Amino acid sequence: MAKDKRTTISVQGASINILSHQEEDFISLTDMSRKFGDDTLIYSWMRNRNTLEFLGIWEQMHNPDFKGGEFETFKKEAGLNSFHLTPRKWIEATRAIGIQSRAGRYGGGTYAHKDIAFEFGSWLSPEFKLYLIKEFQRLKEDESRRLSLDWNLSRTLAKLNYRIHTDAIKSTLIPSSVTPVQASLVYASEADLLNVALFGQTAKQWRDANPAQEDNMRDHATIEQLLVLANIEGMNAELIRMGLSQGERLIRLNEIAIRQLQLLTRQGGFNAIGSINDQHE
């Protein structure tokens, strides 16, 4: 499982931690509450009937495992002087996913999905909420811009290495007497060798599975995949010059691609591809 990414923004002088968890952003309610007091503000907010209704509706929209019966019980008790609700009690009783309670000396506390955090911000201070949204949006725009630059750089590296790759094919695999059409078939075959080694499928297989897409498989690759593609293009060029058969090269390149992707993504496995040997078993 991918490690959560932690970033920090400054909102009216307060440092607010944000966790990116499974492609969703969770904002620290603990940090938000410290701007105005302490954690007891979170408990006071959760005792409110309107807050409970908002939390329950959000969970019903996003969480198929949400326990609606327990939610109804809490809602009936809301407003009573004896009613008390903590984030952990809410999570354990209803299996809620919109709020998280995290342990740890640094960055621990109560986190909530951005939708819920903005609602808490409104309760704390409408002005604070607006600045929170502004800084959060700025953070997301900066991240998107950096990702775009990284992706374009990786795509450029892959294209530059493609020249090295095609030169090795031309000088080693293509006889001087073939027609341009015959040569193009060799280039396409070697390109698909890389596609299978990295993506687990040929260009045609991808097009058949994605008929609505006008671009190609590599245009949908991640930054990590593009970096590995650039690497295995250069490696395949050298393996071609060494005289290895296409089958031998495919197995080697697939093993290299898997190993490098696992390293780059820091995961125990990478679902985009599998071992060529496994696919043939």
C-alpha atoms as a PDB file:
ATOM      1  CA  MET A   1       0.000   0.000   0.000  1.00  0.00           C
ATOM      2  CA  ALA A   2       1.287   3.443  -0.895  1.00  0.00           C
ATOM      3  CA  LYS A   3       2.461   5.619   1.962  1.00  0.00           C
ATOM      4  CA  ASP A   4       0.298   8.632   2.821  1.00  0.00           C
ATOM      5  CA  LYS A   5       1.671  11.940   1.635  1.00  0.00           C
ATOM      6  CA  ARG A   6       1.793  14.762   4.192  1.00  0.00           C
ATOM      7  CA  THR A   7       1.899  18.464   3.322  1.00  0.00           C
ATOM      8  CA  THR A   8       1.373  21.636   5.347  1.00  0.00           C
ATOM      9  CA  ILE A   9      -0.317  24.924   4.490  1.00  0.00           C
ATOM     10  CA  SER A  10      -0.433  28.167   6.447  1.00  0.00           C
ATOM     11  CA  VAL A  11      -3.872  29.684   7.044  1.00  0.00           C
ATOM     12  CA  GLN A  12      -3.972  33.020   8.874  1.00  0.00           C
ATOM     13  CA  GLY A  13      -0.762  32.115  10.696  1.00  0.00           C
ATOM     14  CA  ALA A  14      -1.885  28.575  11.605  1.00  0.00           C
ATOM     15  CA  SER A  15      -0.004  25.532  10.241  1.00  0.00           C
ATOM     16  CA  ILE A  16      -2.525  22.994   8.938  1.00  0.00           C
ATOM     17  CA  ASN A  17      -1.448  19.446   8.071  1.00  0.00           C
ATOM     18  CA  ILE A  18      -2.981  17.714   5.060  1.00  0.00           C
ATOM     19  CA  LEU A  19      -2.761  13.977   4.356  1.00  0.00           C
ATOM     20  CA  SER A  20      -3.304  12.517   0.914  1.00  0.00           C
ATOM     21  CA  HIS A  21      -4.773   9.072   1.599  1.00  0.00           C
ATOM     22  CA  GLN A  22      -5.887   6.755  -1.241  1.00  0.00           C
ATOM     23  CA  GLU A  23      -6.195   9.720  -3.639  1.00  0.00           C
ATOM     24  CA  GLU A  24      -8.311  11.705  -1.169  1.00  0.00           C
ATOM     25  CA  ASP A  25      -7.239  14.689   0.927  1.00  0.00           C
ATOM     26  CA  PHE A  26      -7.774  14.795   4.707  1.00  0.00           C
ATOM     27  CA  ILE A  27      -7.251  18.032   6.645  1.00  0.00           C
ATOM     28  CA  SER A  28      -6.295  18.149  10.311  1.00  0.00           C
ATOM     29  CA  LEU A  29      -9.235  19.298  12.428  1.00  0.00           C
ATOM     30  CA  THR A  30      -6.852  19.304  15.389  1.00  0.00           C
ATOM     31  CA  ASP A  31      -4.662  21.937  13.730  1.00  0.00           C
ATOM     32  CA  MET A  32      -7.719  23.945  12.731  1.00  0.00           C
ATOM     33  CA  SER A  33      -9.124  23.908  16.274  1.00  0.00           C
ATOM     34  CA  ARG A  34      -5.817  25.088  17.772  1.00  0.00           C
ATOM     35  CA  LYS A  35      -6.254  28.363  15.904  1.00  0.00           C
ATOM     36  CA  PHE A  36      -9.304  29.056  18.093  1.00  0.00           C
ATOM     37  CA  GLY A  37      -8.729  26.968  21.216  1.00  0.00           C
ATOM     38  CA  ASP A  38      -8.154  23.227  21.580  1.00  0.00           C
ATOM     39  CA  ASP A  39      -9.583  19.805  20.685  1.00  0.00           C
ATOM     40  CA  THR A  40     -12.708  20.379  22.765  1.00  0.00           C
ATOM     41  CA  LEU A  41     -14.000  22.486  19.870  1.00  0.00           C
ATOM     42  CA  ILE A  42     -14.153  19.326  17.729  1.00  0.00           C
ATOM     43  CA  TYR A  43     -16.262  17.572  20.381  1.00  0.00           C
ATOM     44  CA  SER A  44     -18.580  20.573  20.688  1.00  0.00           C
ATOM     45  CA  TRP A  45     -19.008  20.680  16.924  1.00  0.00           C
ATOM     46  CA  MET A  46     -19.801  16.959  16.747  1.00  0.00           C
ATOM     47  CA  ARG A  47     -22.492  17.268  19.456  1.00  0.00           C
ATOM     48  CA  ASN A  48     -24.429  19.594  17.165  1.00  0.00           C
ATOM     49  CA  ARG A  49     -27.438  17.966  15.464  1.00  0.00           C
ATOM     50  CA  ASN A  50     -26.780  19.770  12.167  1.00  0.00           C
ATOM     51  CA  THR A  51     -23.204  18.498  12.210  1.00  0.00           C
ATOM     52  CA  LEU A  52     -24.359  14.918  12.788  1.00  0.00           C
ATOM     53  CA  GLU A  53     -26.812  15.147   9.903  1.00  0.00           C
ATOM     54  CA  PHE A  54     -24.074  16.479   7.625  1.00  0.00           C
ATOM     55  CA  LEU A  55     -21.641  13.713   8.666  1.00  0.00           C
ATOM     56  CA  GLY A  56     -24.290  11.042   8.220  1.00  0.00           C
ATOM     57  CA  ILE A  57     -25.333  12.238   4.759  1.00  0.00           C
ATOM     58  CA  TRP A  58     -21.694  12.446   3.652  1.00  0.00           C
ATOM     59  CA  GLU A  59     -21.052   8.869   4.782  1.00  0.00           C
ATOM     60  CA  GLN A  60     -24.212   7.592   3.086  1.00  0.00           C
ATOM     61  CA  MET A  61     -23.010   9.163  -0.167  1.00  0.00           C
ATOM     62  CA  HIS A  62     -19.428   7.841  -0.001  1.00  0.00           C
ATOM     63  CA  ASN A  63     -19.331   4.824   2.315  1.00  0.00           C
ATOM     64  CA  PRO A  64     -21.240   1.605   1.510  1.00  0.00           C
ATOM     65  CA  ASP A  65     -20.222   0.113   4.883  1.00  0.00           C
ATOM     66  CA  PHE A  66     -21.644   2.989   6.927  1.00  0.00           C
ATOM     67  CA  LYS A  67     -23.896   1.821   9.783  1.00  0.00           C
ATOM     68  CA  GLY A  68     -27.024   3.907   9.376  1.00  0.00           C
ATOM     69  CA  GLY A  69     -28.736   2.446  12.448  1.00  0.00           C
ATOM     70  CA  GLU A  70     -26.045   3.693  14.812  1.00  0.00           C
ATOM     71  CA  PHE A  71     -26.149   7.058  13.057  1.00  0.00           C
ATOM     72  CA  GLU A  72     -29.898   7.350  13.716  1.00  0.00           C
ATOM     73  CA  THR A  73     -29.287   6.562  17.390  1.00  0.00           C
ATOM     74  CA  PHE A  74     -26.729   9.339  17.672  1.00  0.00           C
ATOM     75  CA  LYS A  75     -29.041  11.751  15.877  1.00  0.00           C
ATOM     76  CA  LYS A  76     -31.865  11.105  18.350  1.00  0.00           C
ATOM     77  CA  GLU A  77     -29.547  11.782  21.287  1.00  0.00           C
ATOM     78  CA  ALA A  78     -28.072  14.964  19.785  1.00  0.00           C
ATOM     79  CA  GLY A  79     -29.081  18.068  21.712  1.00  0.00           C
ATOM     80  CA  LEU A  80     -29.380  16.322  25.073  1.00  0.00           C
ATOM     81  CA  ASN A  81     -27.116  17.656  27.829  1.00  0.00           C
ATOM     82  CA  SER A  82     -25.818  14.132  28.411  1.00  0.00           C
ATOM     83  CA  PHE A  83     -24.889  13.575  24.760  1.00  0.00           C
ATOM     84  CA  HIS A  84     -21.158  13.389  24.097  1.00  0.00           C
ATOM     85  CA  LEU A  85     -19.473  12.245  20.898  1.00  0.00           C
ATOM     86  CA  THR A  86     -15.798  11.932  20.043  1.00  0.00           C
ATOM     87  CA  PRO A  87     -14.265  11.235  16.635  1.00  0.00           C
ATOM     88  CA  ARG A  88     -13.088   7.796  17.738  1.00  0.00           C
ATOM     89  CA  LYS A  89     -16.534   6.866  19.090  1.00  0.00           C
ATOM     90  CA  TRP A  90     -18.141   8.016  15.838  1.00  0.00           C
ATOM     91  CA  ILE A  91     -15.687   5.995  13.731  1.00  0.00           C
ATOM     92  CA  GLU A  92     -15.945   2.797  15.781  1.00  0.00           C
ATOM     93  CA  ALA A  93     -19.736   2.873  16.062  1.00  0.00           C
ATOM     94  CA  THR A  94     -20.610   3.740  12.457  1.00  0.00           C
ATOM     95  CA  ARG A  95     -17.520   2.590  10.498  1.00  0.00           C
ATOM     96  CA  ALA A  96     -17.203   6.139   9.231  1.00  0.00           C
ATOM     97  CA  ILE A  97     -14.424   6.904   6.740  1.00  0.00           C
ATOM     98  CA  GLY A  98     -14.812  10.688   6.454  1.00  0.00           C
ATOM     99  CA  ILE A  99     -13.101  11.279   9.795  1.00  0.00           C
ATOM    100  CA  GLN A 100      -9.851   9.639  10.885  1.00  0.00           C
ATOM    101  CA  SER A 101      -8.219   9.529  14.298  1.00  0.00           C
ATOM    102  CA  ARG A 102      -4.449   9.199  13.974  1.00  0.00           C
ATOM    103  CA  ALA A 103      -1.914   8.534  16.693  1.00  0.00           C
ATOM    104  CA  GLY A 104       1.544  10.041  16.743  1.00  0.00           C
ATOM    105  CA  ARG A 105       3.490  12.803  18.405  1.00  0.00           C
ATOM    106  CA  TYR A 106       4.001  14.623  15.128  1.00  0.00           C
ATOM    107  CA  GLY A 107       1.035  14.985  12.808  1.00  0.00           C
ATOM    108  CA  GLY A 108      -1.317  12.952  14.979  1.00  0.00           C
ATOM    109  CA  GLY A 109      -4.855  13.995  15.840  1.00  0.00           C
ATOM    110  CA  THR A 110      -8.221  14.132  14.118  1.00  0.00           C
ATOM    111  CA  TYR A 111      -8.327  14.415  10.340  1.00  0.00           C
ATOM    112  CA  ALA A 112     -11.363  14.815   8.105  1.00  0.00           C
ATOM    113  CA  HIS A 113     -12.060  14.609   4.396  1.00  0.00           C
ATOM    114  CA  LYS A 114     -11.789  18.062   2.854  1.00  0.00           C
ATOM    115  CA  ASP A 115     -15.594  18.291   2.451  1.00  0.00           C
ATOM    116  CA  ILE A 116     -16.037  17.777   6.189  1.00  0.00           C
ATOM    117  CA  ALA A 117     -13.052  19.937   7.148  1.00  0.00           C
ATOM    118  CA  PHE A 118     -14.491  22.887   5.216  1.00  0.00           C
ATOM    119  CA  GLU A 119     -17.786  22.412   7.085  1.00  0.00           C
ATOM    120  CA  PHE A 120     -15.900  22.480  10.388  1.00  0.00           C
ATOM    121  CA  GLY A 121     -14.153  25.621   9.148  1.00  0.00           C
ATOM    122  CA  SER A 122     -17.516  27.304   8.636  1.00  0.00           C
ATOM    123  CA  TRP A 123     -18.458  26.477  12.217  1.00  0.00           C
ATOM    124  CA  LEU A 124     -15.172  27.881  13.523  1.00  0.00           C
ATOM    125  CA  SER A 125     -15.143  31.045  11.407  1.00  0.00           C
ATOM    126  CA  PRO A 126     -16.490  31.813   7.895  1.00  0.00           C
ATOM    127  CA  GLU A 127     -13.441  34.002   7.253  1.00  0.00           C
ATOM    128  CA  PHE A 128     -11.059  31.226   8.304  1.00  0.00           C
ATOM    129  CA  LYS A 129     -12.899  28.761   6.043  1.00  0.00           C
ATOM    130  CA  LEU A 130     -12.478  31.021   2.998  1.00  0.00           C
ATOM    131  CA  TYR A 131      -8.739  31.391   3.604  1.00  0.00           C
ATOM    132  CA  LEU A 132      -8.472  27.634   4.187  1.00  0.00           C
ATOM    133  CA  ILE A 133     -10.146  26.897   0.845  1.00  0.00           C
ATOM    134  CA  LYS A 134      -7.929  29.457  -0.903  1.00  0.00           C
ATOM    135  CA  GLU A 135      -4.699  27.949   0.458  1.00  0.00           C
ATOM    136  CA  PHE A 136      -5.879  24.402  -0.198  1.00  0.00           C
ATOM    137  CA  GLN A 137      -6.678  25.250  -3.819  1.00  0.00           C
ATOM    138  CA  ARG A 138      -3.292  26.922  -4.235  1.00  0.00           C
ATOM    139  CA  LEU A 139      -1.614  23.758  -2.922  1.00  0.00           C
ATOM    140  CA  LYS A 140      -3.525  21.548  -5.372  1.00  0.00           C
ATOM    141  CA  GLU A 141      -2.713  23.850  -8.296  1.00  0.00           C
ATOM    142  CA  ASP A 142       0.998  23.784  -7.406  1.00  0.00           C
ATOM    143  CA  GLU A 143       0.954  19.986  -7.157  1.00  0.00           C
ATOM    144  CA  SER A 144      -0.819  19.677 -10.503  1.00  0.00           C
ATOM    145  CA  ARG A 145       1.675  22.005 -12.156  1.00  0.00           C
ATOM    146  CA  ARG A 146       4.667  20.050 -10.787  1.00  0.00           C
ATOM    147  CA  LEU A 147       3.164  16.733 -11.881  1.00  0.00           C
ATOM    148  CA  SER A 148       2.599  18.106 -15.366  1.00  0.00           C
ATOM    149  CA  LEU A 149       6.214  19.287 -15.623  1.00  0.00           C
ATOM    150  CA  ASP A 150       7.539  15.948 -14.333  1.00  0.00           C
ATOM    151  CA  TRP A 151       5.329  13.990 -16.750  1.00  0.00           C
ATOM    152  CA  ASN A 152       6.423  16.091 -19.737  1.00  0.00           C
ATOM    153  CA  LEU A 153      10.080  15.645 -18.780  1.00  0.00           C
ATOM    154  CA  SER A 154       9.650  11.887 -18.486  1.00  0.00           C
ATOM    155  CA  ARG A 155       7.837  11.758 -21.829  1.00  0.00           C
ATOM    156  CA  THR A 156      10.681  13.740 -23.434  1.00  0.00           C
ATOM    157  CA  LEU A 157      13.296  11.345 -22.016  1.00  0.00           C
ATOM    158  CA  ALA A 158      11.365   8.392 -23.416  1.00  0.00           C
ATOM    159  CA  LYS A 159      11.220  10.040 -26.845  1.00  0.00           C
ATOM    160  CA  LEU A 160      14.961  10.817 -26.827  1.00  0.00           C
ATOM    161  CA  ASN A 161      15.800   7.231 -25.871  1.00  0.00           C
ATOM    162  CA  TYR A 162      13.493   6.087 -28.657  1.00  0.00           C
ATOM    163  CA  ARG A 163      16.083   7.411 -31.144  1.00  0.00           C
ATOM    164  CA  ILE A 164      18.769   5.221 -29.556  1.00  0.00           C
ATOM    165  CA  HIS A 165      16.353   2.301 -29.673  1.00  0.00           C
ATOM    166  CA  THR A 166      15.404   2.709 -33.340  1.00  0.00           C
ATOM    167  CA  ASP A 167      19.036   3.181 -34.351  1.00  0.00           C
ATOM    168  CA  ALA A 168      19.927  -0.175 -32.792  1.00  0.00           C
ATOM    169  CA  ILE A 169      17.003  -1.804 -34.611  1.00  0.00           C
ATOM    170  CA  LYS A 170      18.013  -0.230 -37.931  1.00  0.00           C
ATOM    171  CA  SER A 171      21.669  -1.168 -37.682  1.00  0.00           C
ATOM    172  CA  THR A 172      21.180  -4.682 -36.287  1.00  0.00           C
ATOM    173  CA  LEU A 173      17.759  -6.148 -37.071  1.00  0.00           C
ATOM    174  CA  ILE A 174      16.783  -4.647 -40.432  1.00  0.00           C
ATOM    175  CA  PRO A 175      18.566  -5.959 -43.553  1.00  0.00           C
ATOM    176  CA  SER A 176      19.512  -3.352 -46.148  1.00  0.00           C
ATOM    177  CA  SER A 177      17.248  -4.849 -48.827  1.00  0.00           C
ATOM    178  CA  VAL A 178      13.849  -4.636 -47.095  1.00  0.00           C
ATOM    179  CA  THR A 179      11.086  -2.245 -48.113  1.00  0.00           C
ATOM    180  CA  PRO A 180       9.979   0.658 -45.884  1.00  0.00           C
ATOM    181  CA  VAL A 181       6.788  -1.257 -45.065  1.00  0.00           C
ATOM    182  CA  GLN A 182       8.758  -4.302 -43.948  1.00  0.00           C
ATOM    183  CA  ALA A 183      11.044  -2.085 -41.862  1.00  0.00           C
ATOM    184  CA  SER A 184       8.053  -0.449 -40.163  1.00  0.00           C
ATOM    185  CA  LEU A 185       6.824  -3.872 -39.105  1.00  0.00           C
ATOM    186  CA  VAL A 186      10.128  -4.542 -37.364  1.00  0.00           C
ATOM    187  CA  TYR A 187       9.986  -1.175 -35.567  1.00  0.00           C
ATOM    188  CA  ALA A 188       6.383  -1.856 -34.486  1.00  0.00           C
ATOM    189  CA  SER A 189       7.330  -5.315 -33.237  1.00  0.00           C
ATOM    190  CA  GLU A 190      10.140  -3.925 -31.094  1.00  0.00           C
ATOM    191  CA  ALA A 191       7.913  -1.117 -29.797  1.00  0.00           C
ATOM    192  CA  ASP A 192       5.384  -3.723 -28.716  1.00  0.00           C
ATOM    193  CA  LEU A 193       8.169  -5.698 -27.071  1.00  0.00           C
ATOM    194  CA  LEU A 194       8.648  -2.702 -24.759  1.00  0.00           C
ATOM    195  CA  ASN A 195       4.884  -2.274 -24.336  1.00  0.00           C
ATOM    196  CA  VAL A 196       4.453  -5.881 -23.205  1.00  0.00           C
ATOM    197  CA  ALA A 197       7.507  -5.717 -20.932  1.00  0.00           C
ATOM    198  CA  LEU A 198       6.219  -2.552 -19.230  1.00  0.00           C
ATOM    199  CA  PHE A 199       2.427  -2.428 -19.622  1.00  0.00           C
ATOM    200  CA  GLY A 200       1.661  -6.115 -20.110  1.00  0.00           C
ATOM    201  CA  GLN A 201      -0.085  -5.590 -23.461  1.00  0.00           C
ATOM    202  CA  THR A 202       0.532  -4.536 -27.047  1.00  0.00           C
ATOM    203  CA  ALA A 203      -0.557  -1.219 -28.537  1.00  0.00           C
ATOM    204  CA  LYS A 204      -3.358  -2.969 -30.448  1.00  0.00           C
ATOM    205  CA  GLN A 205      -4.620  -4.727 -27.335  1.00  0.00           C
ATOM    206  CA  TRP A 206      -4.788  -1.372 -25.545  1.00  0.00           C
ATOM    207  CA  ARG A 207      -6.638   0.275 -28.453  1.00  0.00           C
ATOM    208  CA  ASP A 208      -9.115  -2.605 -28.614  1.00  0.00           C
ATOM    209  CA  ALA A 209      -9.773  -2.224 -24.874  1.00  0.00           C
ATOM    210  CA  ASN A 210     -10.068   1.581 -25.118  1.00  0.00           C
ATOM    211  CA  PRO A 211     -11.899   2.318 -28.390  1.00  0.00           C
ATOM    212  CA  ALA A 212     -13.021   5.781 -27.247  1.00  0.00           C
ATOM    213  CA  GLN A 213      -9.445   7.010 -26.740  1.00  0.00           C
ATOM    214  CA  GLU A 214      -7.871   8.919 -29.628  1.00  0.00           C
ATOM    215  CA  ASP A 215      -4.353   8.959 -28.128  1.00  0.00           C
ATOM    216  CA  ASN A 216      -2.119   6.003 -27.335  1.00  0.00           C
ATOM    217  CA  MET A 217      -1.245   3.868 -24.330  1.00  0.00           C
ATOM    218  CA  ARG A 218       1.956   5.742 -23.530  1.00  0.00           C
ATOM    219  CA  ASP A 219       0.067   9.048 -23.279  1.00  0.00           C
ATOM    220  CA  HIS A 220      -1.767   7.533 -20.292  1.00  0.00           C
ATOM    221  CA  ALA A 221       1.384   6.270 -18.552  1.00  0.00           C
ATOM    222  CA  THR A 222       2.389   7.460 -15.099  1.00  0.00           C
ATOM    223  CA  ILE A 223       5.599   9.372 -14.462  1.00  0.00           C
ATOM    224  CA  GLU A 224       7.180   6.218 -13.031  1.00  0.00           C
ATOM    225  CA  GLN A 225       6.199   4.164 -16.079  1.00  0.00           C
ATOM    226  CA  LEU A 226       7.650   6.765 -18.450  1.00  0.00           C
ATOM    227  CA  LEU A 227      10.947   6.799 -16.556  1.00  0.00           C
ATOM    228  CA  VAL A 228      11.173   3.015 -16.724  1.00  0.00           C
ATOM    229  CA  LEU A 229      10.232   3.114 -20.416  1.00  0.00           C
ATOM    230  CA  ALA A 230      13.161   5.449 -21.080  1.00  0.00           C
ATOM    231  CA  ASN A 231      15.440   3.044 -19.202  1.00  0.00           C
ATOM    232  CA  ILE A 232      14.357  -0.166 -20.942  1.00  0.00           C
ATOM    233  CA  GLU A 233      14.510   1.474 -24.388  1.00  0.00           C
ATOM    234  CA  GLY A 234      18.216   2.066 -23.865  1.00  0.00           C
ATOM    235  CA  MET A 235      18.676  -1.406 -22.394  1.00  0.00           C
ATOM    236  CA  ASN A 236      16.868  -3.065 -25.289  1.00  0.00           C
ATOM    237  CA  ALA A 237      19.140  -1.246 -27.732  1.00  0.00           C
ATOM    238  CA  GLU A 238      22.170  -2.787 -26.022  1.00  0.00           C
ATOM    239  CA  LEU A 239      20.570  -6.244 -25.838  1.00  0.00           C
ATOM    240  CA  ILE A 240      19.818  -6.060 -29.568  1.00  0.00           C
ATOM    241  CA  ARG A 241      23.460  -5.290 -30.302  1.00  0.00           C
ATOM    242  CA  MET A 242      24.457  -8.239 -28.086  1.00  0.00           C
ATOM    243  CA  GLY A 243      22.470 -10.531 -30.390  1.00  0.00           C
ATOM    244  CA  LEU A 244      19.827 -11.730 -27.878  1.00  0.00           C
ATOM    245  CA  SER A 245      16.582 -13.045 -29.321  1.00  0.00           C
ATOM    246  CA  GLN A 246      13.363 -11.120 -28.889  1.00  0.00           C
ATOM    247  CA  GLY A 247      12.028 -13.698 -26.441  1.00  0.00           C
ATOM    248  CA  GLU A 248      15.140 -13.481 -24.259  1.00  0.00           C
ATOM    249  CA  ARG A 249      15.031  -9.700 -24.325  1.00  0.00           C
ATOM    250  CA  LEU A 250      11.348  -9.626 -23.385  1.00  0.00           C
ATOM    251  CA  ILE A 251      11.912 -11.696 -20.243  1.00  0.00           C
ATOM    252  CA  ARG A 252      14.911  -9.626 -19.166  1.00  0.00           C
ATOM    253  CA  LEU A 253      13.211  -6.283 -19.812  1.00  0.00           C
ATOM    254  CA  ASN A 254      10.051  -7.373 -18.015  1.00  0.00           C
ATOM    255  CA  GLU A 255      12.059  -8.356 -14.937  1.00  0.00           C
ATOM    256  CA  ILE A 256      13.881  -5.008 -15.020  1.00  0.00           C
ATOM    257  CA  ALA A 257      10.624  -3.064 -15.475  1.00  0.00           C
ATOM    258  CA  ILE A 258       8.966  -4.787 -12.519  1.00  0.00           C
ATOM    259  CA  ARG A 259      11.985  -4.245 -10.285  1.00  0.00           C
ATOM    260  CA  GLN A 260      12.330  -0.566 -11.175  1.00  0.00           C
ATOM    261  CA  LEU A 261       8.610   0.169 -10.824  1.00  0.00           C
ATOM    262  CA  GLN A 262       8.542  -1.472  -7.416  1.00  0.00           C
ATOM    263  CA  LEU A 263      11.450   0.707  -6.365  1.00  0.00           C
ATOM    264  CA  LEU A 264       9.972   3.927  -7.771  1.00  0.00           C
ATOM    265  CA  THR A 265       6.516   3.382  -6.298  1.00  0.00           C
ATOM    266  CA  ARG A 266       7.870   1.941  -3.014  1.00  0.00           C
ATOM    267  CA  GLN A 267       5.263  -0.804  -2.996  1.00  0.00           C
ATOM    268  CA  GLY A 268       5.423  -4.531  -2.559  1.00  0.00           C
ATOM    269  CA  GLY A 269       4.063  -5.024  -6.072  1.00  0.00           C
ATOM    270  CA  PHE A 270       2.877  -3.116  -9.108  1.00  0.00           C
ATOM    271  CA  ASN A 271      -0.489  -3.987 -10.534  1.00  0.00           C
ATOM    272  CA  ALA A 272       0.062  -2.474 -13.977  1.00  0.00           C
ATOM    273  CA  ILE A 273       2.266  -5.370 -15.092  1.00  0.00           C
ATOM    274  CA  GLY A 274       3.033  -8.907 -14.109  1.00  0.00           C
ATOM    275  CA  SER A 275       5.897 -11.234 -14.739  1.00  0.00           C
ATOM    276  CA  ILE A 276       6.064 -12.525 -18.314  1.00  0.00           C
ATOM    277  CA  ASN A 277       6.870 -15.947 -16.842  1.00  0.00           C
ATOM    278  CA  ASP A 278       3.745 -15.761 -14.677  1.00  0.00           C
ATOM    279  CA  GLN A 279       1.621 -14.884 -17.702  1.00  0.00           C
ATOM    280  CA  HIS A 280       2.865 -17.988 -19.527  1.00  0.00           C
ATOM    281  CA  GLU A 281       2.231 -20.406 -16.682  1.00  0.00           C
END
